[in-house]
Amino acid sequence: VKQRPDSFRSLFCHEPQRLTADMMDDLFTPRLAPKGGNRRRAEDA
């Protein structure tokens, strides 16, 4: 680590990632009503 600090930086220091639409979609989990009901159809839309 002392010889090559830049090589180990990502292991010891957090660097925020640039947000993308895919990251946001993966981050949020929909809580859906049970299948077959009107609520679920509305949520699926």
All heavy atoms as atom14 arrays in JSON, in Angstrom:
{
  "sequence": "VKQRPDSFRSLFCHEPQRLTADMMDDLFTPRLAPKGGNRRRAEDA",
  "atom14_mask": [
    [1, 1, 1, 1, 1, 1, 1, 0, 0, 0, 0, 0, 0, 0],
    [1, 1, 1, 1, 1, 1, 1, 1, 1, 0, 0, 0, 0, 0],
    [1, 1, 1, 1, 1, 1, 1, 1, 1, 0, 0, 0, 0, 0],
    [1, 1, 1, 1, 1, 1, 1, 1, 1, 1, 1, 0, 0, 0],
    [1, 1, 1, 1, 1, 1, 1, 0, 0, 0, 0, 0, 0, 0],
    [1, 1, 1, 1, 1, 1, 1, 1, 0, 0, 0, 0, 0, 0],
    [1, 1, 1, 1, 1, 1, 0, 0, 0, 0, 0, 0, 0, 0],
    [1, 1, 1, 1, 1, 1, 1, 1, 1, 1, 1, 0, 0, 0],
    [1, 1, 1, 1, 1, 1, 1, 1, 1, 1, 1, 0, 0, 0],
    [1, 1, 1, 1, 1, 1, 0, 0, 0, 0, 0, 0, 0, 0],
    [1, 1, 1, 1, 1, 1, 1, 1, 0, 0, 0, 0, 0, 0],
    [1, 1, 1, 1, 1, 1, 1, 1, 1, 1, 1, 0, 0, 0],
    [1, 1, 1, 1, 1, 1, 0, 0, 0, 0, 0, 0, 0, 0],
    [1, 1, 1, 1, 1, 1, 1, 1, 1, 1, 0, 0, 0, 0],
    [1, 1, 1, 1, 1, 1, 1, 1, 1, 0, 0, 0, 0, 0],
    [1, 1, 1, 1, 1, 1, 1, 0, 0, 0, 0, 0, 0, 0],
    [1, 1, 1, 1, 1, 1, 1, 1, 1, 0, 0, 0, 0, 0],
    [1, 1, 1, 1, 1, 1, 1, 1, 1, 1, 1, 0, 0, 0],
    [1, 1, 1, 1, 1, 1, 1, 1, 0, 0, 0, 0, 0, 0],
    [1, 1, 1, 1, 1, 1, 1, 0, 0, 0, 0, 0, 0, 0],
    [1, 1, 1, 1, 1, 0, 0, 0, 0, 0, 0, 0, 0, 0],
    [1, 1, 1, 1, 1, 1, 1, 1, 0, 0, 0, 0, 0, 0],
    [1, 1, 1, 1, 1, 1, 1, 1, 0, 0, 0, 0, 0, 0],
    [1, 1, 1, 1, 1, 1, 1, 1, 0, 0, 0, 0, 0, 0],
    [1, 1, 1, 1, 1, 1, 1, 1, 0, 0, 0, 0, 0, 0],
    [1, 1, 1, 1, 1, 1, 1, 1, 0, 0, 0, 0, 0, 0],
    [1, 1, 1, 1, 1, 1, 1, 1, 0, 0, 0, 0, 0, 0],
    [1, 1, 1, 1, 1, 1, 1, 1, 1, 1, 1, 0, 0, 0],
    [1, 1, 1, 1, 1, 1, 1, 0, 0, 0, 0, 0, 0, 0],
    [1, 1, 1, 1, 1, 1, 1, 0, 0, 0, 0, 0, 0, 0],
    [1, 1, 1, 1, 1, 1, 1, 1, 1, 1, 1, 0, 0, 0],
    [1, 1, 1, 1, 1, 1, 1, 1, 0, 0, 0, 0, 0, 0],
    [1, 1, 1, 1, 1, 0, 0, 0, 0, 0, 0, 0, 0, 0],
    [1, 1, 1, 1, 1, 1, 1, 0, 0, 0, 0, 0, 0, 0],
    [1, 1, 1, 1, 1, 1, 1, 1, 1, 0, 0, 0, 0, 0],
    [1, 1, 1, 1, 0, 0, 0, 0, 0, 0, 0, 0, 0, 0],
    [1, 1, 1, 1, 0, 0, 0, 0, 0, 0, 0, 0, 0, 0],
    [1, 1, 1, 1, 1, 1, 1, 1, 0, 0, 0, 0, 0, 0],
    [1, 1, 1, 1, 1, 1, 1, 1, 1, 1, 1, 0, 0, 0],
    [1, 1, 1, 1, 1, 1, 1, 1, 1, 1, 1, 0, 0, 0],
    [1, 1, 1, 1, 1, 1, 1, 1, 1, 1, 1, 0, 0, 0],
    [1, 1, 1, 1, 1, 0, 0, 0, 0, 0, 0, 0, 0, 0],
    [1, 1, 1, 1, 1, 1, 1, 1, 1, 0, 0, 0, 0, 0],
    [1, 1, 1, 1, 1, 1, 1, 1, 0, 0, 0, 0, 0, 0],
    [1, 1, 1, 1, 1, 0, 0, 0, 0, 0, 0, 0, 0, 0]
  ],
  "atom14_positions": [
    [[0.85, -1.21, 0.0], [0.0, 0.0, 0.0], [0.87, 1.25, 0.0], [0.6, 2.21, -0.73], [-0.97, 0.0, 1.21], [-1.66, 1.34, 1.36], [-1.99, -1.11, 1.08], [0.0, 0.0, 0.0], [0.0, 0.0, 0.0], [0.0, 0.0, 0.0], [0.0, 0.0, 0.0], [0.0, 0.0, 0.0], [0.0, 0.0, 0.0], [0.0, 0.0, 0.0]],
    [[1.91, 1.23, 0.8], [2.82, 2.39, 0.87], [3.57, 2.59, -0.44], [3.83, 3.73, -0.84], [3.82, 2.22, 2.02], [3.18, 2.43, 3.38], [4.19, 2.27, 4.49], [3.57, 2.51, 5.85], [4.54, 2.34, 6.94], [0.0, 0.0, 0.0], [0.0, 0.0, 0.0], [0.0, 0.0, 0.0], [0.0, 0.0, 0.0], [0.0, 0.0, 0.0]],
    [[3.91, 1.52, -1.13], [4.64, 1.64, -2.39], [3.74, 2.07, -3.55], [4.18, 2.79, -4.43], [5.3, 0.3, -2.75], [6.45, -0.05, -1.84], [6.98, -1.46, -2.12], [6.44, -2.18, -2.95], [8.04, -1.84, -1.39], [0.0, 0.0, 0.0], [0.0, 0.0, 0.0], [0.0, 0.0, 0.0], [0.0, 0.0, 0.0], [0.0, 0.0, 0.0]],
    [[2.49, 1.6, -3.55], [1.56, 1.91, -4.65], [0.2, 2.36, -4.09], [-0.81, 1.67, -4.24], [1.36, 0.69, -5.53], [2.61, 0.28, -6.27], [2.38, -0.98, -7.1], [3.58, -1.78, -7.15], [3.96, -2.67, -6.23], [3.25, -2.89, -5.18], [5.09, -3.35, -6.38], [0.0, 0.0, 0.0], [0.0, 0.0, 0.0], [0.0, 0.0, 0.0]],
    [[0.14, 3.53, -3.45], [-1.11, 3.96, -2.81], [-2.28, 4.14, -3.8], [-3.42, 3.84, -3.46], [-0.75, 5.29, -2.13], [0.54, 5.72, -2.75], [1.22, 4.49, -3.27], [0.0, 0.0, 0.0], [0.0, 0.0, 0.0], [0.0, 0.0, 0.0], [0.0, 0.0, 0.0], [0.0, 0.0, 0.0], [0.0, 0.0, 0.0], [0.0, 0.0, 0.0]],
    [[-1.98, 4.57, -5.0], [-3.07, 4.76, -5.98], [-3.72, 3.44, -6.38], [-4.91, 3.4, -6.67], [-2.55, 5.49, -7.23], [-2.26, 6.95, -6.96], [-2.83, 7.49, -5.98], [-1.47, 7.55, -7.7], [0.0, 0.0, 0.0], [0.0, 0.0, 0.0], [0.0, 0.0, 0.0], [0.0, 0.0, 0.0], [0.0, 0.0, 0.0], [0.0, 0.0, 0.0]],
    [[-2.96, 2.36, -6.37], [-3.51, 1.05, -6.72], [-4.5, 0.55, -5.67], [-5.38, -0.24, -5.97], [-2.39, 0.03, -6.88], [-1.52, 0.41, -7.91], [0.0, 0.0, 0.0], [0.0, 0.0, 0.0], [0.0, 0.0, 0.0], [0.0, 0.0, 0.0], [0.0, 0.0, 0.0], [0.0, 0.0, 0.0], [0.0, 0.0, 0.0], [0.0, 0.0, 0.0]],
    [[-4.35, 1.0, -4.44], [-5.19, 0.52, -3.35], [-6.28, 1.52, -2.94], [-7.09, 1.24, -2.07], [-4.32, 0.19, -2.13], [-3.45, -1.01, -2.33], [-2.19, -0.89, -2.89], [-3.9, -2.28, -1.97], [-1.39, -2.0, -3.08], [-3.11, -3.39, -2.16], [-1.85, -3.26, -2.72], [0.0, 0.0, 0.0], [0.0, 0.0, 0.0], [0.0, 0.0, 0.0]],
    [[-6.28, 2.69, -3.56], [-7.22, 3.76, -3.18], [-8.67, 3.29, -3.18], [-9.43, 3.55, -2.26], [-7.05, 4.97, -4.08], [-7.93, 6.15, -3.66], [-7.63, 7.41, -4.42], [-6.22, 7.74, -4.5], [-5.5, 8.32, -3.53], [-6.07, 8.61, -2.4], [-4.22, 8.57, -3.69], [0.0, 0.0, 0.0], [0.0, 0.0, 0.0], [0.0, 0.0, 0.0]],
    [[-9.08, 2.57, -4.21], [-10.48, 2.14, -4.3], [-10.87, 1.15, -3.2], [-12.05, 1.04, -2.86], [-10.78, 1.54, -5.67], [-10.04, 0.35, -5.85], [0.0, 0.0, 0.0], [0.0, 0.0, 0.0], [0.0, 0.0, 0.0], [0.0, 0.0, 0.0], [0.0, 0.0, 0.0], [0.0, 0.0, 0.0], [0.0, 0.0, 0.0], [0.0, 0.0, 0.0]],
    [[-9.89, 0.46, -2.62], [-10.18, -0.47, -1.54], [-10.39, 0.24, -0.21], [-11.13, -0.24, 0.66], [-9.05, -1.49, -1.38], [-8.84, -2.44, -2.54], [-7.58, -3.28, -2.32], [-10.05, -3.34, -2.71], [0.0, 0.0, 0.0], [0.0, 0.0, 0.0], [0.0, 0.0, 0.0], [0.0, 0.0, 0.0], [0.0, 0.0, 0.0], [0.0, 0.0, 0.0]],
    [[-9.76, 1.39, -0.03], [-9.81, 2.09, 1.25], [-10.61, 3.38, 1.22], [-10.96, 3.9, 2.29], [-8.38, 2.38, 1.74], [-7.59, 1.15, 2.05], [-6.6, 0.71, 1.2], [-7.85, 0.42, 3.2], [-5.86, -0.44, 1.49], [-7.13, -0.73, 3.5], [-6.13, -1.17, 2.64], [0.0, 0.0, 0.0], [0.0, 0.0, 0.0], [0.0, 0.0, 0.0]],
    [[-10.88, 3.92, 0.05], [-11.58, 5.21, -0.05], [-12.81, 5.06, -0.96], [-12.71, 4.52, -2.06], [-10.67, 6.28, -0.64], [-9.19, 6.58, 0.34], [0.0, 0.0, 0.0], [0.0, 0.0, 0.0], [0.0, 0.0, 0.0], [0.0, 0.0, 0.0], [0.0, 0.0, 0.0], [0.0, 0.0, 0.0], [0.0, 0.0, 0.0], [0.0, 0.0, 0.0]],
    [[-13.91, 5.56, -0.49], [-15.14, 5.52, -1.29], [-15.13, 6.66, -2.3], [-14.86, 7.82, -1.95], [-16.36, 5.67, -0.38], [-17.64, 5.85, -1.13], [-18.2, 4.86, -1.91], [-18.46, 6.92, -1.25], [-19.31, 5.31, -2.45], [-19.49, 6.56, -2.06], [0.0, 0.0, 0.0], [0.0, 0.0, 0.0], [0.0, 0.0, 0.0], [0.0, 0.0, 0.0]],
    [[-15.39, 6.32, -3.54], [-15.54, 7.33, -4.58], [-16.93, 7.15, -5.18], [-17.23, 6.09, -5.74], [-14.46, 7.16, -5.65], [-13.07, 7.46, -5.12], [-12.0, 7.4, -6.19], [-12.33, 7.58, -7.38], [-10.85, 7.16, -5.82], [0.0, 0.0, 0.0], [0.0, 0.0, 0.0], [0.0, 0.0, 0.0], [0.0, 0.0, 0.0], [0.0, 0.0, 0.0]],
    [[-17.78, 8.16, -5.01], [-19.15, 8.02, -5.51], [-19.19, 7.76, -7.01], [-18.38, 8.3, -7.77], [-19.81, 9.37, -5.2], [-18.83, 10.14, -4.39], [-17.51, 9.46, -4.45], [0.0, 0.0, 0.0], [0.0, 0.0, 0.0], [0.0, 0.0, 0.0], [0.0, 0.0, 0.0], [0.0, 0.0, 0.0], [0.0, 0.0, 0.0], [0.0, 0.0, 0.0]],
    [[-20.13, 6.9, -7.41], [-20.3, 6.61, -8.82], [-21.29, 7.59, -9.43], [-22.19, 8.08, -8.75], [-20.83, 5.2, -9.02], [-19.88, 4.12, -8.56], [-20.49, 2.74, -8.76], [-21.69, 2.58, -8.89], [-19.65, 1.73, -8.77], [0.0, 0.0, 0.0], [0.0, 0.0, 0.0], [0.0, 0.0, 0.0], [0.0, 0.0, 0.0], [0.0, 0.0, 0.0]],
    [[-21.13, 7.84, -10.69], [-22.08, 8.67, -11.43], [-23.37, 7.86, -11.58], [-23.35, 6.73, -12.03], [-21.49, 9.0, -12.8], [-22.34, 9.93, -13.62], [-21.63, 10.23, -14.95], [-22.43, 11.1, -15.76], [-23.41, 10.69, -16.55], [-23.7, 9.41, -16.64], [-24.11, 11.56, -17.25], [0.0, 0.0, 0.0], [0.0, 0.0, 0.0], [0.0, 0.0, 0.0]],
    [[-24.49, 8.45, -11.16], [-25.77, 7.74, -11.22], [-26.23, 7.56, -12.67], [-26.05, 8.46, -13.49], [-26.84, 8.52, -10.46], [-26.7, 8.55, -8.94], [-27.76, 9.48, -8.34], [-26.83, 7.16, -8.37], [0.0, 0.0, 0.0], [0.0, 0.0, 0.0], [0.0, 0.0, 0.0], [0.0, 0.0, 0.0], [0.0, 0.0, 0.0], [0.0, 0.0, 0.0]],
    [[-26.81, 6.41, -12.94], [-27.4, 6.14, -14.25], [-28.84, 5.69, -14.03], [-29.23, 5.3, -12.92], [-26.64, 5.03, -15.0], [-26.8, 3.8, -14.28], [-25.16, 5.37, -15.16], [0.0, 0.0, 0.0], [0.0, 0.0, 0.0], [0.0, 0.0, 0.0], [0.0, 0.0, 0.0], [0.0, 0.0, 0.0], [0.0, 0.0, 0.0], [0.0, 0.0, 0.0]],
    [[-29.62, 5.72, -15.1], [-31.01, 5.27, -15.03], [-31.08, 3.8, -14.61], [-31.94, 3.42, -13.8], [-31.7, 5.48, -16.37], [0.0, 0.0, 0.0], [0.0, 0.0, 0.0], [0.0, 0.0, 0.0], [0.0, 0.0, 0.0], [0.0, 0.0, 0.0], [0.0, 0.0, 0.0], [0.0, 0.0, 0.0], [0.0, 0.0, 0.0], [0.0, 0.0, 0.0]],
    [[-30.19, 2.98, -15.14], [-30.18, 1.56, -14.78], [-29.86, 1.36, -13.3], [-30.46, 0.51, -12.63], [-29.19, 0.78, -15.64], [-29.66, 0.62, -17.08], [-30.88, 0.71, -17.32], [-28.8, 0.41, -17.95], [0.0, 0.0, 0.0], [0.0, 0.0, 0.0], [0.0, 0.0, 0.0], [0.0, 0.0, 0.0], [0.0, 0.0, 0.0], [0.0, 0.0, 0.0]],
    [[-28.91, 2.13, -12.77], [-28.58, 2.03, -11.35], [-29.79, 2.38, -10.49], [-30.08, 1.7, -9.5], [-27.42, 2.96, -11.0], [-26.07, 2.51, -11.49], [-24.79, 3.78, -11.27], [-24.69, 3.86, -9.5], [0.0, 0.0, 0.0], [0.0, 0.0, 0.0], [0.0, 0.0, 0.0], [0.0, 0.0, 0.0], [0.0, 0.0, 0.0], [0.0, 0.0, 0.0]],
    [[-30.48, 3.44, -10.87], [-31.65, 3.88, -10.1], [-32.77, 2.84, -10.19], [-33.44, 2.56, -9.19], [-32.14, 5.23, -10.61], [-31.2, 6.37, -10.33], [-31.17, 6.84, -8.6], [-32.73, 7.7, -8.48], [0.0, 0.0, 0.0], [0.0, 0.0, 0.0], [0.0, 0.0, 0.0], [0.0, 0.0, 0.0], [0.0, 0.0, 0.0], [0.0, 0.0, 0.0]],
    [[-32.97, 2.27, -11.36], [-34.0, 1.24, -11.52], [-33.68, 0.03, -10.66], [-34.56, -0.55, -10.01], [-34.12, 0.86, -12.99], [-35.28, -0.08, -13.25], [-36.33, 0.04, -12.58], [-35.16, -0.95, -14.14], [0.0, 0.0, 0.0], [0.0, 0.0, 0.0], [0.0, 0.0, 0.0], [0.0, 0.0, 0.0], [0.0, 0.0, 0.0], [0.0, 0.0, 0.0]],
    [[-32.42, -0.37, -10.62], [-32.0, -1.51, -9.8], [-32.1, -1.19, -8.3], [-32.35, -2.08, -7.5], [-30.57, -1.93, -10.13], [-30.44, -2.57, -11.5], [-31.47, -3.01, -12.06], [-29.31, -2.62, -12.02], [0.0, 0.0, 0.0], [0.0, 0.0, 0.0], [0.0, 0.0, 0.0], [0.0, 0.0, 0.0], [0.0, 0.0, 0.0], [0.0, 0.0, 0.0]],
    [[-31.87, 0.06, -7.95], [-31.85, 0.46, -6.55], [-33.24, 0.4, -5.9], [-33.38, -0.03, -4.76], [-31.29, 1.88, -6.45], [-31.06, 2.46, -5.07], [-30.01, 1.66, -4.31], [-30.62, 3.92, -5.19], [0.0, 0.0, 0.0], [0.0, 0.0, 0.0], [0.0, 0.0, 0.0], [0.0, 0.0, 0.0], [0.0, 0.0, 0.0], [0.0, 0.0, 0.0]],
    [[-34.27, 0.83, -6.63], [-35.63, 0.9, -6.09], [-36.4, -0.38, -6.44], [-36.61, -0.69, -7.6], [-36.37, 2.12, -6.65], [-35.91, 3.41, -6.06], [-34.83, 4.09, -6.59], [-36.55, 3.94, -4.95], [-34.39, 5.28, -6.04], [-36.12, 5.13, -4.4], [-35.03, 5.81, -4.94], [0.0, 0.0, 0.0], [0.0, 0.0, 0.0], [0.0, 0.0, 0.0]],
    [[-36.86, -1.07, -5.41], [-37.64, -2.29, -5.59], [-39.12, -1.98, -5.45], [-39.54, -1.5, -4.4], [-37.24, -3.35, -4.54], [-35.83, -3.57, -4.64], [-38.0, -4.64, -4.74], [0.0, 0.0, 0.0], [0.0, 0.0, 0.0], [0.0, 0.0, 0.0], [0.0, 0.0, 0.0], [0.0, 0.0, 0.0], [0.0, 0.0, 0.0], [0.0, 0.0, 0.0]],
    [[-39.91, -2.24, -6.49], [-41.35, -2.0, -6.37], [-42.01, -3.0, -5.41], [-41.7, -4.18, -5.43], [-41.88, -2.22, -7.79], [-40.68, -2.23, -8.67], [-39.52, -2.65, -7.83], [0.0, 0.0, 0.0], [0.0, 0.0, 0.0], [0.0, 0.0, 0.0], [0.0, 0.0, 0.0], [0.0, 0.0, 0.0], [0.0, 0.0, 0.0], [0.0, 0.0, 0.0]],
    [[-42.87, -2.48, -4.56], [-43.69, -3.33, -3.68], [-45.05, -3.44, -4.35], [-45.87, -2.53, -4.27], [-43.82, -2.71, -2.3], [-42.53, -2.66, -1.54], [-42.76, -2.15, -0.15], [-41.5, -1.95, 0.54], [-41.37, -1.22, 1.61], [-42.41, -0.59, 2.13], [-40.2, -1.09, 2.18], [0.0, 0.0, 0.0], [0.0, 0.0, 0.0], [0.0, 0.0, 0.0]],
    [[-45.26, -4.54, -5.02], [-46.44, -4.72, -5.85], [-47.53, -5.5, -5.13], [-47.25, -6.38, -4.32], [-46.06, -5.45, -7.14], [-45.02, -4.75, -8.02], [-44.5, -5.69, -9.09], [-45.61, -3.5, -8.63], [0.0, 0.0, 0.0], [0.0, 0.0, 0.0], [0.0, 0.0, 0.0], [0.0, 0.0, 0.0], [0.0, 0.0, 0.0], [0.0, 0.0, 0.0]],
    [[-48.77, -5.16, -5.46], [-49.93, -5.9, -4.96], [-49.92, -7.3, -5.57], [-49.26, -7.54, -6.58], [-51.21, -5.15, -5.32], [0.0, 0.0, 0.0], [0.0, 0.0, 0.0], [0.0, 0.0, 0.0], [0.0, 0.0, 0.0], [0.0, 0.0, 0.0], [0.0, 0.0, 0.0], [0.0, 0.0, 0.0], [0.0, 0.0, 0.0], [0.0, 0.0, 0.0]],
    [[-50.67, -8.24, -4.98], [-50.72, -9.59, -5.56], [-51.23, -9.58, -7.01], [-52.06, -8.75, -7.38], [-51.72, -10.32, -4.65], [-51.74, -9.55, -3.38], [-51.46, -8.13, -3.76], [0.0, 0.0, 0.0], [0.0, 0.0, 0.0], [0.0, 0.0, 0.0], [0.0, 0.0, 0.0], [0.0, 0.0, 0.0], [0.0, 0.0, 0.0], [0.0, 0.0, 0.0]],
    [[-50.71, -10.51, -7.81], [-51.1, -10.61, -9.22], [-52.59, -10.92, -9.34], [-53.17, -11.59, -8.49], [-50.31, -11.71, -9.92], [-48.89, -11.34, -10.19], [-48.2, -12.42, -10.99], [-46.78, -11.97, -11.32], [-46.11, -12.91, -12.2], [0.0, 0.0, 0.0], [0.0, 0.0, 0.0], [0.0, 0.0, 0.0], [0.0, 0.0, 0.0], [0.0, 0.0, 0.0]],
    [[-53.16, -10.42, -10.43], [-54.55, -10.73, -10.75], [-55.55, -9.69, -10.3], [-56.69, -9.7, -10.76], [0.0, 0.0, 0.0], [0.0, 0.0, 0.0], [0.0, 0.0, 0.0], [0.0, 0.0, 0.0], [0.0, 0.0, 0.0], [0.0, 0.0, 0.0], [0.0, 0.0, 0.0], [0.0, 0.0, 0.0], [0.0, 0.0, 0.0], [0.0, 0.0, 0.0]],
    [[-55.16, -8.78, -9.45], [-56.1, -7.77, -8.95], [-55.99, -6.46, -9.72], [-55.05, -6.23, -10.49], [0.0, 0.0, 0.0], [0.0, 0.0, 0.0], [0.0, 0.0, 0.0], [0.0, 0.0, 0.0], [0.0, 0.0, 0.0], [0.0, 0.0, 0.0], [0.0, 0.0, 0.0], [0.0, 0.0, 0.0], [0.0, 0.0, 0.0], [0.0, 0.0, 0.0]],
    [[-56.97, -5.59, -9.5], [-56.98, -4.28, -10.15], [-55.81, -3.42, -9.69], [-55.25, -2.65, -10.47], [-58.3, -3.57, -9.88], [-59.45, -4.21, -10.61], [-59.25, -4.9, -11.61], [-60.66, -4.0, -10.12], [0.0, 0.0, 0.0], [0.0, 0.0, 0.0], [0.0, 0.0, 0.0], [0.0, 0.0, 0.0], [0.0, 0.0, 0.0], [0.0, 0.0, 0.0]],
    [[-55.45, -3.52, -8.41], [-54.32, -2.74, -7.91], [-53.04, -3.11, -8.66], [-52.28, -2.24, -9.05], [-54.13, -2.96, -6.41], [-55.14, -2.25, -5.57], [-54.89, -2.51, -4.08], [-55.76, -1.66, -3.3], [-55.33, -0.68, -2.51], [-54.04, -0.47, -2.37], [-56.18, 0.07, -1.87], [0.0, 0.0, 0.0], [0.0, 0.0, 0.0], [0.0, 0.0, 0.0]],
    [[-52.82, -4.38, -8.84], [-51.6, -4.84, -9.54], [-51.59, -4.37, -10.98], [-50.55, -3.96, -11.5], [-51.5, -6.37, -9.46], [-50.28, -6.95, -10.16], [-48.96, -6.44, -9.54], [-47.82, -7.02, -10.18], [-47.18, -8.09, -9.74], [-47.56, -8.69, -8.64], [-46.15, -8.56, -10.39], [0.0, 0.0, 0.0], [0.0, 0.0, 0.0], [0.0, 0.0, 0.0]],
    [[-52.73, -4.43, -11.66], [-52.79, -3.96, -13.05], [-52.43, -2.48, -13.13], [-51.7, -2.06, -14.02], [-54.18, -4.22, -13.64], [-54.33, -5.64, -14.16], [-55.62, -5.81, -14.96], [-56.79, -5.89, -14.11], [-57.18, -6.97, -13.45], [-56.48, -8.07, -13.54], [-58.27, -6.95, -12.71], [0.0, 0.0, 0.0], [0.0, 0.0, 0.0], [0.0, 0.0, 0.0]],
    [[-52.94, -1.69, -12.18], [-52.63, -0.25, -12.16], [-51.14, -0.03, -11.89], [-50.5, 0.83, -12.52], [-53.49, 0.45, -11.11], [0.0, 0.0, 0.0], [0.0, 0.0, 0.0], [0.0, 0.0, 0.0], [0.0, 0.0, 0.0], [0.0, 0.0, 0.0], [0.0, 0.0, 0.0], [0.0, 0.0, 0.0], [0.0, 0.0, 0.0], [0.0, 0.0, 0.0]],
    [[-50.58, -0.8, -10.97], [-49.16, -0.67, -10.65], [-48.28, -1.09, -11.83], [-47.28, -0.44, -12.14], [-48.83, -1.52, -9.42], [-49.5, -1.03, -8.16], [-49.42, -2.01, -7.0], [-48.91, -3.14, -7.17], [-49.9, -1.65, -5.91], [0.0, 0.0, 0.0], [0.0, 0.0, 0.0], [0.0, 0.0, 0.0], [0.0, 0.0, 0.0], [0.0, 0.0, 0.0]],
    [[-48.66, -2.18, -12.5], [-47.91, -2.65, -13.66], [-47.89, -1.62, -14.79], [-46.95, -1.61, -15.59], [-48.49, -3.98, -14.17], [-48.11, -5.17, -13.3], [-47.15, -5.05, -12.5], [-48.77, -6.23, -13.42], [0.0, 0.0, 0.0], [0.0, 0.0, 0.0], [0.0, 0.0, 0.0], [0.0, 0.0, 0.0], [0.0, 0.0, 0.0], [0.0, 0.0, 0.0]],
    [[-48.91, -0.77, -14.86], [-48.94, 0.27, -15.89], [-48.0, 1.42, -15.55], [-47.53, 2.12, -16.45], [-50.37, 0.79, -16.05], [0.0, 0.0, 0.0], [0.0, 0.0, 0.0], [0.0, 0.0, 0.0], [0.0, 0.0, 0.0], [0.0, 0.0, 0.0], [0.0, 0.0, 0.0], [0.0, 0.0, 0.0], [0.0, 0.0, 0.0], [0.0, 0.0, 0.0]]
  ]
}
